[in-house]
């Protein structure tokens, strides 16, 4: 079983900074959101047999979220942090305000161009997808391991596409998008018929009604 958790609200969301590789910490509301995620996982999804790995992006907002979850599950410091789980690299736009980033944004000539680079030194959509899934296949046994992966909206989308057997060309051609909200939980795995299954998608039932932050 693979549990995908998006990090909670971070400073870049409230300070109107760009996302991507901007490295900001969780806000107080963000920490509360992830504590709710941790309680939900402990109560409903995570067994006590210890056969679990916790992976996260090494960006602060994801790494801090993973630490909160690991503490609630009594996993101590057993978190594996990886650069390949980062959000799409926004190059020179990282750490900039949204307004400043607009000045260096490179508009694509064609819509849905997976080989276009939105910002100087940034990644294309194809490069982003391949970074996520190529390394994922190297580091984990998708068929046999129980995992919690704490990451970002784009990264979680790419993992879902990959595990459902879709390559990046199919995703773009069909204009497929998965809504992944802050502090949401998605659960993927193999059912009794040996079929790749989405058991839960973008679930935020653990968060207070009316207080879901969705940047």
C-alpha atoms as a PDB file:
ATOM      1  CA  UNK A   1       0.000   0.000   0.000  1.00  0.00           C
ATOM      2  CA  UNK A   2       1.223   3.479  -0.849  1.00  0.00           C
ATOM      3  CA  UNK A   3      -0.075   6.446   1.127  1.00  0.00           C
ATOM      4  CA  UNK A   4       0.527   9.838  -0.481  1.00  0.00           C
ATOM      5  CA  UNK A   5       0.230  12.860   1.798  1.00  0.00           C
ATOM      6  CA  UNK A   6       0.612  16.433   0.642  1.00  0.00           C
ATOM      7  CA  UNK A   7       2.349  18.811   3.047  1.00  0.00           C
ATOM      8  CA  UNK A   8       0.390  21.409   5.014  1.00  0.00           C
ATOM      9  CA  UNK A   9       0.137  25.127   4.446  1.00  0.00           C
ATOM     10  CA  UNK A  10       3.576  26.747   4.170  1.00  0.00           C
ATOM     11  CA  UNK A  11       4.908  30.272   4.418  1.00  0.00           C
ATOM     12  CA  UNK A  12       5.160  30.618   0.630  1.00  0.00           C
ATOM     13  CA  UNK A  13       1.378  30.212   0.379  1.00  0.00           C
ATOM     14  CA  UNK A  14       0.572  33.101   2.712  1.00  0.00           C
ATOM     15  CA  UNK A  15       3.486  35.330   1.686  1.00  0.00           C
ATOM     16  CA  UNK A  16       2.596  35.008  -2.010  1.00  0.00           C
ATOM     17  CA  UNK A  17       5.918  33.491  -2.975  1.00  0.00           C
ATOM     18  CA  UNK A  18       6.280  31.070  -5.855  1.00  0.00           C
ATOM     19  CA  UNK A  19       5.952  27.348  -5.161  1.00  0.00           C
ATOM     20  CA  UNK A  20       8.275  24.859  -6.834  1.00  0.00           C
ATOM     21  CA  UNK A  21      11.696  24.840  -5.195  1.00  0.00           C
ATOM     22  CA  UNK A  22      10.999  27.828  -2.941  1.00  0.00           C
ATOM     23  CA  UNK A  23      11.998  26.358   0.423  1.00  0.00           C
ATOM     24  CA  UNK A  24       9.612  27.545   3.130  1.00  0.00           C
ATOM     25  CA  UNK A  25       8.534  26.108   6.475  1.00  0.00           C
ATOM     26  CA  UNK A  26       5.048  25.136   7.604  1.00  0.00           C
ATOM     27  CA  UNK A  27       2.831  27.821   9.104  1.00  0.00           C
ATOM     28  CA  UNK A  28       1.052  27.212  12.424  1.00  0.00           C
ATOM     29  CA  UNK A  29      -2.168  26.243  10.579  1.00  0.00           C
ATOM     30  CA  UNK A  30      -0.059  23.994   8.349  1.00  0.00           C
ATOM     31  CA  UNK A  31       1.346  22.155  11.373  1.00  0.00           C
ATOM     32  CA  UNK A  32      -2.179  21.640  12.729  1.00  0.00           C
ATOM     33  CA  UNK A  33      -3.290  20.262   9.358  1.00  0.00           C
ATOM     34  CA  UNK A  34      -0.464  17.722   9.304  1.00  0.00           C
ATOM     35  CA  UNK A  35      -1.088  16.686  12.905  1.00  0.00           C
ATOM     36  CA  UNK A  36      -4.629  15.863  11.793  1.00  0.00           C
ATOM     37  CA  UNK A  37      -3.183  13.827   8.910  1.00  0.00           C
ATOM     38  CA  UNK A  38      -0.939  11.957  11.353  1.00  0.00           C
ATOM     39  CA  UNK A  39      -3.830  11.086  13.656  1.00  0.00           C
ATOM     40  CA  UNK A  40      -5.886   9.865  10.710  1.00  0.00           C
ATOM     41  CA  UNK A  41      -3.073   7.661   9.460  1.00  0.00           C
ATOM     42  CA  UNK A  42      -2.388   6.227  12.914  1.00  0.00           C
ATOM     43  CA  UNK A  43      -6.055   5.460  13.526  1.00  0.00           C
ATOM     44  CA  UNK A  44      -7.091   4.134  10.126  1.00  0.00           C
ATOM     45  CA  UNK A  45      -4.294   3.119   7.795  1.00  0.00           C
ATOM     46  CA  UNK A  46      -1.009   2.249   9.443  1.00  0.00           C
ATOM     47  CA  UNK A  47      -0.470  -1.182  10.981  1.00  0.00           C
ATOM     48  CA  UNK A  48       1.694  -1.924  13.979  1.00  0.00           C
ATOM     49  CA  UNK A  49       3.963  -4.530  12.407  1.00  0.00           C
ATOM     50  CA  UNK A  50       6.683  -2.032  11.508  1.00  0.00           C
ATOM     51  CA  UNK A  51       6.732  -2.924   7.804  1.00  0.00           C
ATOM     52  CA  UNK A  52       6.556   0.687   6.705  1.00  0.00           C
ATOM     53  CA  UNK A  53       8.864   3.241   5.110  1.00  0.00           C
ATOM     54  CA  UNK A  54       8.348   6.987   5.288  1.00  0.00           C
ATOM     55  CA  UNK A  55       9.778   8.978   2.375  1.00  0.00           C
ATOM     56  CA  UNK A  56       9.594  12.698   1.819  1.00  0.00           C
ATOM     57  CA  UNK A  57      10.804  15.523  -0.355  1.00  0.00           C
ATOM     58  CA  UNK A  58      13.776  17.288   1.201  1.00  0.00           C
ATOM     59  CA  UNK A  59      12.110  20.708   0.907  1.00  0.00           C
ATOM     60  CA  UNK A  60      11.250  22.071   4.362  1.00  0.00           C
ATOM     61  CA  UNK A  61       7.464  22.069   4.041  1.00  0.00           C
ATOM     62  CA  UNK A  62       7.413  18.375   3.129  1.00  0.00           C
ATOM     63  CA  UNK A  63      10.259  17.256   5.389  1.00  0.00           C
ATOM     64  CA  UNK A  64       8.691  18.959   8.400  1.00  0.00           C
ATOM     65  CA  UNK A  65       5.327  17.379   7.578  1.00  0.00           C
ATOM     66  CA  UNK A  66       6.981  13.951   7.397  1.00  0.00           C
ATOM     67  CA  UNK A  67       8.621  14.491  10.792  1.00  0.00           C
ATOM     68  CA  UNK A  68       5.251  15.275  12.384  1.00  0.00           C
ATOM     69  CA  UNK A  69       3.729  12.154  10.853  1.00  0.00           C
ATOM     70  CA  UNK A  70       6.695   9.977  11.856  1.00  0.00           C
ATOM     71  CA  UNK A  71       6.512  11.206  15.439  1.00  0.00           C
ATOM     72  CA  UNK A  72       2.817  10.358  15.666  1.00  0.00           C
ATOM     73  CA  UNK A  73       3.534   6.873  14.314  1.00  0.00           C
ATOM     74  CA  UNK A  74       6.523   6.361  16.641  1.00  0.00           C
ATOM     75  CA  UNK A  75       8.987   6.169  13.762  1.00  0.00           C
ATOM     76  CA  UNK A  76      11.482   8.557  15.330  1.00  0.00           C
ATOM     77  CA  UNK A  77      13.992   9.816  12.770  1.00  0.00           C
ATOM     78  CA  UNK A  78      13.482   7.008  10.287  1.00  0.00           C
ATOM     79  CA  UNK A  79      12.544   9.278   7.405  1.00  0.00           C
ATOM     80  CA  UNK A  80      14.161   9.035   3.979  1.00  0.00           C
ATOM     81  CA  UNK A  81      14.458  12.450   2.363  1.00  0.00           C
ATOM     82  CA  UNK A  82      14.985  12.665  -1.391  1.00  0.00           C
ATOM     83  CA  UNK A  83      15.491  15.484  -3.863  1.00  0.00           C
ATOM     84  CA  UNK A  84      13.700  13.461  -6.548  1.00  0.00           C
ATOM     85  CA  UNK A  85      10.431  13.899  -4.623  1.00  0.00           C
ATOM     86  CA  UNK A  86      10.576  17.686  -4.875  1.00  0.00           C
ATOM     87  CA  UNK A  87       7.955  19.737  -6.701  1.00  0.00           C
ATOM     88  CA  UNK A  88       8.642  20.907 -10.270  1.00  0.00           C
ATOM     89  CA  UNK A  89      11.821  22.943 -10.412  1.00  0.00           C
ATOM     90  CA  UNK A  90      10.912  26.568 -11.122  1.00  0.00           C
ATOM     91  CA  UNK A  91      14.526  27.613 -11.659  1.00  0.00           C
ATOM     92  CA  UNK A  92      15.260  31.309 -11.180  1.00  0.00           C
ATOM     93  CA  UNK A  93      11.707  31.893  -9.969  1.00  0.00           C
ATOM     94  CA  UNK A  94      12.383  29.978  -6.734  1.00  0.00           C
ATOM     95  CA  UNK A  95      12.195  32.219  -3.643  1.00  0.00           C
ATOM     96  CA  UNK A  96      10.676  35.084  -5.691  1.00  0.00           C
ATOM     97  CA  UNK A  97       7.320  36.682  -5.101  1.00  0.00           C
ATOM     98  CA  UNK A  98       4.594  35.759  -7.559  1.00  0.00           C
ATOM     99  CA  UNK A  99       4.758  39.294  -8.945  1.00  0.00           C
ATOM    100  CA  UNK A 100       8.525  39.148  -9.514  1.00  0.00           C
ATOM    101  CA  UNK A 101       8.270  35.679 -11.075  1.00  0.00           C
ATOM    102  CA  UNK A 102       5.858  36.995 -13.705  1.00  0.00           C
ATOM    103  CA  UNK A 103       8.654  39.164 -15.097  1.00  0.00           C
ATOM    104  CA  UNK A 104      10.819  36.139 -15.992  1.00  0.00           C
ATOM    105  CA  UNK A 105       7.996  33.767 -16.953  1.00  0.00           C
ATOM    106  CA  UNK A 106       8.426  32.263 -20.419  1.00  0.00           C
ATOM    107  CA  UNK A 107       5.050  31.723 -22.043  1.00  0.00           C
ATOM    108  CA  UNK A 108       4.842  28.574 -24.216  1.00  0.00           C
ATOM    109  CA  UNK A 109       4.161  29.005 -27.912  1.00  0.00           C
ATOM    110  CA  UNK A 110       1.745  26.076 -27.766  1.00  0.00           C
ATOM    111  CA  UNK A 111      -0.581  25.119 -24.923  1.00  0.00           C
ATOM    112  CA  UNK A 112       0.199  21.850 -23.073  1.00  0.00           C
ATOM    113  CA  UNK A 113       3.797  21.723 -24.329  1.00  0.00           C
ATOM    114  CA  UNK A 114       5.520  19.166 -22.090  1.00  0.00           C
ATOM    115  CA  UNK A 115       8.957  20.218 -23.335  1.00  0.00           C
ATOM    116  CA  UNK A 116       8.568  23.893 -22.480  1.00  0.00           C
ATOM    117  CA  UNK A 117      10.589  25.519 -19.687  1.00  0.00           C
ATOM    118  CA  UNK A 118       8.429  28.074 -17.851  1.00  0.00           C
ATOM    119  CA  UNK A 119      11.347  29.712 -16.062  1.00  0.00           C
ATOM    120  CA  UNK A 120      15.081  29.989 -16.809  1.00  0.00           C
ATOM    121  CA  UNK A 121      16.977  27.016 -15.307  1.00  0.00           C
ATOM    122  CA  UNK A 122      13.698  25.310 -14.477  1.00  0.00           C
ATOM    123  CA  UNK A 123      12.369  21.900 -15.524  1.00  0.00           C
ATOM    124  CA  UNK A 124      10.060  20.978 -18.347  1.00  0.00           C
ATOM    125  CA  UNK A 125       6.966  18.962 -17.461  1.00  0.00           C
ATOM    126  CA  UNK A 126       8.562  15.921 -19.106  1.00  0.00           C
ATOM    127  CA  UNK A 127      11.755  16.290 -17.045  1.00  0.00           C
ATOM    128  CA  UNK A 128       9.732  16.723 -13.868  1.00  0.00           C
ATOM    129  CA  UNK A 129       7.663  13.585 -14.479  1.00  0.00           C
ATOM    130  CA  UNK A 130      10.684  11.487 -15.408  1.00  0.00           C
ATOM    131  CA  UNK A 131      12.651  12.664 -12.352  1.00  0.00           C
ATOM    132  CA  UNK A 132       9.825  11.637 -10.050  1.00  0.00           C
ATOM    133  CA  UNK A 133       9.025   8.251 -11.518  1.00  0.00           C
ATOM    134  CA  UNK A 134      12.478   7.074 -12.634  1.00  0.00           C
ATOM    135  CA  UNK A 135      13.963   7.473  -9.175  1.00  0.00           C
ATOM    136  CA  UNK A 136      10.823   6.179  -7.497  1.00  0.00           C
ATOM    137  CA  UNK A 137      11.180   2.872  -9.327  1.00  0.00           C
ATOM    138  CA  UNK A 138      14.835   2.659  -8.262  1.00  0.00           C
ATOM    139  CA  UNK A 139      14.324   3.287  -4.569  1.00  0.00           C
ATOM    140  CA  UNK A 140      11.160   1.352  -3.698  1.00  0.00           C
ATOM    141  CA  UNK A 141       9.336  -1.890  -4.442  1.00  0.00           C
ATOM    142  CA  UNK A 142       5.955  -0.572  -5.543  1.00  0.00           C
ATOM    143  CA  UNK A 143       4.329  -3.996  -5.542  1.00  0.00           C
ATOM    144  CA  UNK A 144       5.394  -5.238  -2.125  1.00  0.00           C
ATOM    145  CA  UNK A 145       6.236  -2.361   0.225  1.00  0.00           C
ATOM    146  CA  UNK A 146       4.044  -0.296   2.530  1.00  0.00           C
ATOM    147  CA  UNK A 147       4.950   3.357   2.103  1.00  0.00           C
ATOM    148  CA  UNK A 148       4.046   6.829   3.228  1.00  0.00           C
ATOM    149  CA  UNK A 149       5.306   9.441   0.763  1.00  0.00           C
ATOM    150  CA  UNK A 150       5.052  13.065   1.876  1.00  0.00           C
ATOM    151  CA  UNK A 151       5.460  15.410  -1.046  1.00  0.00           C
ATOM    152  CA  UNK A 152       3.904  18.123  -3.205  1.00  0.00           C
ATOM    153  CA  UNK A 153       0.885  18.479  -5.442  1.00  0.00           C
ATOM    154  CA  UNK A 154       2.716  17.982  -8.751  1.00  0.00           C
ATOM    155  CA  UNK A 155       4.848  15.140  -7.421  1.00  0.00           C
ATOM    156  CA  UNK A 156       1.835  13.294  -6.039  1.00  0.00           C
ATOM    157  CA  UNK A 157       0.016  13.755  -9.340  1.00  0.00           C
ATOM    158  CA  UNK A 158       2.967  12.250 -11.219  1.00  0.00           C
ATOM    159  CA  UNK A 159       3.141   9.257  -8.876  1.00  0.00           C
ATOM    160  CA  UNK A 160      -0.578   8.596  -9.341  1.00  0.00           C
ATOM    161  CA  UNK A 161      -0.260   8.806 -13.136  1.00  0.00           C
ATOM    162  CA  UNK A 162       2.717   6.445 -13.094  1.00  0.00           C
ATOM    163  CA  UNK A 163       1.110   3.847 -10.826  1.00  0.00           C
ATOM    164  CA  UNK A 164      -2.029   3.922 -12.950  1.00  0.00           C
ATOM    165  CA  UNK A 165       0.065   3.125 -16.028  1.00  0.00           C
ATOM    166  CA  UNK A 166      -0.062   6.530 -17.747  1.00  0.00           C
ATOM    167  CA  UNK A 167       2.988   8.145 -19.317  1.00  0.00           C
ATOM    168  CA  UNK A 168       3.379  11.889 -19.604  1.00  0.00           C
ATOM    169  CA  UNK A 169       2.254  12.011 -23.239  1.00  0.00           C
ATOM    170  CA  UNK A 170      -1.063  10.347 -22.355  1.00  0.00           C
ATOM    171  CA  UNK A 171      -1.600  12.690 -19.433  1.00  0.00           C
ATOM    172  CA  UNK A 172      -1.090  15.808 -21.530  1.00  0.00           C
ATOM    173  CA  UNK A 173      -2.961  14.525 -24.579  1.00  0.00           C
ATOM    174  CA  UNK A 174      -6.038  13.706 -22.493  1.00  0.00           C
ATOM    175  CA  UNK A 175      -5.586  16.852 -20.347  1.00  0.00           C
ATOM    176  CA  UNK A 176      -5.768  14.843 -17.136  1.00  0.00           C
ATOM    177  CA  UNK A 177      -5.341  16.542 -13.780  1.00  0.00           C
ATOM    178  CA  UNK A 178      -5.802  15.225 -10.240  1.00  0.00           C
ATOM    179  CA  UNK A 179      -6.873  17.628  -7.510  1.00  0.00           C
ATOM    180  CA  UNK A 180      -4.421  17.308  -4.603  1.00  0.00           C
ATOM    181  CA  UNK A 181      -5.193  19.664  -1.732  1.00  0.00           C
ATOM    182  CA  UNK A 182      -2.993  20.693   1.160  1.00  0.00           C
ATOM    183  CA  UNK A 183      -2.801  18.007   3.880  1.00  0.00           C
ATOM    184  CA  UNK A 184      -4.778  15.554   1.763  1.00  0.00           C
ATOM    185  CA  UNK A 185      -4.404  11.770   1.802  1.00  0.00           C
ATOM    186  CA  UNK A 186      -4.406   9.482  -1.240  1.00  0.00           C
ATOM    187  CA  UNK A 187      -4.107   5.702  -0.881  1.00  0.00           C
ATOM    188  CA  UNK A 188      -3.014   3.429  -3.730  1.00  0.00           C
ATOM    189  CA  UNK A 189      -2.420  -0.296  -3.839  1.00  0.00           C
ATOM    190  CA  UNK A 190      -3.242  -3.710  -5.276  1.00  0.00           C
ATOM    191  CA  UNK A 191      -6.684  -5.176  -4.636  1.00  0.00           C
ATOM    192  CA  UNK A 192      -7.619  -8.852  -4.183  1.00  0.00           C
ATOM    193  CA  UNK A 193      -7.947  -9.262  -7.951  1.00  0.00           C
ATOM    194  CA  UNK A 194      -4.367  -8.024  -8.397  1.00  0.00           C
ATOM    195  CA  UNK A 195      -5.560  -4.754  -9.944  1.00  0.00           C
ATOM    196  CA  UNK A 196      -3.881  -1.400  -9.392  1.00  0.00           C
ATOM    197  CA  UNK A 197      -6.426   0.492  -7.315  1.00  0.00           C
ATOM    198  CA  UNK A 198      -7.026   4.005  -5.975  1.00  0.00           C
ATOM    199  CA  UNK A 199      -8.585   3.323  -2.580  1.00  0.00           C
ATOM    200  CA  UNK A 200      -8.721   6.962  -1.528  1.00  0.00           C
ATOM    201  CA  UNK A 201      -8.106  10.168  -3.482  1.00  0.00           C
ATOM    202  CA  UNK A 202      -7.455  13.711  -2.252  1.00  0.00           C
ATOM    203  CA  UNK A 203      -9.235  13.013   1.040  1.00  0.00           C
ATOM    204  CA  UNK A 204      -9.407  15.804   3.642  1.00  0.00           C
ATOM    205  CA  UNK A 205     -12.081  14.391   5.950  1.00  0.00           C
ATOM    206  CA  UNK A 206      -9.652  14.760   8.869  1.00  0.00           C
ATOM    207  CA  UNK A 207      -9.593  18.558   8.503  1.00  0.00           C
ATOM    208  CA  UNK A 208     -12.211  20.860  10.056  1.00  0.00           C
ATOM    209  CA  UNK A 209     -15.090  21.565   7.705  1.00  0.00           C
ATOM    210  CA  UNK A 210     -14.859  24.988   6.099  1.00  0.00           C
ATOM    211  CA  UNK A 211     -11.187  25.457   6.989  1.00  0.00           C
ATOM    212  CA  UNK A 212      -9.524  23.697   4.082  1.00  0.00           C
ATOM    213  CA  UNK A 213      -6.789  25.816   2.545  1.00  0.00           C
ATOM    214  CA  UNK A 214      -6.338  25.214  -1.156  1.00  0.00           C
ATOM    215  CA  UNK A 215      -3.568  27.200  -2.819  1.00  0.00           C
END
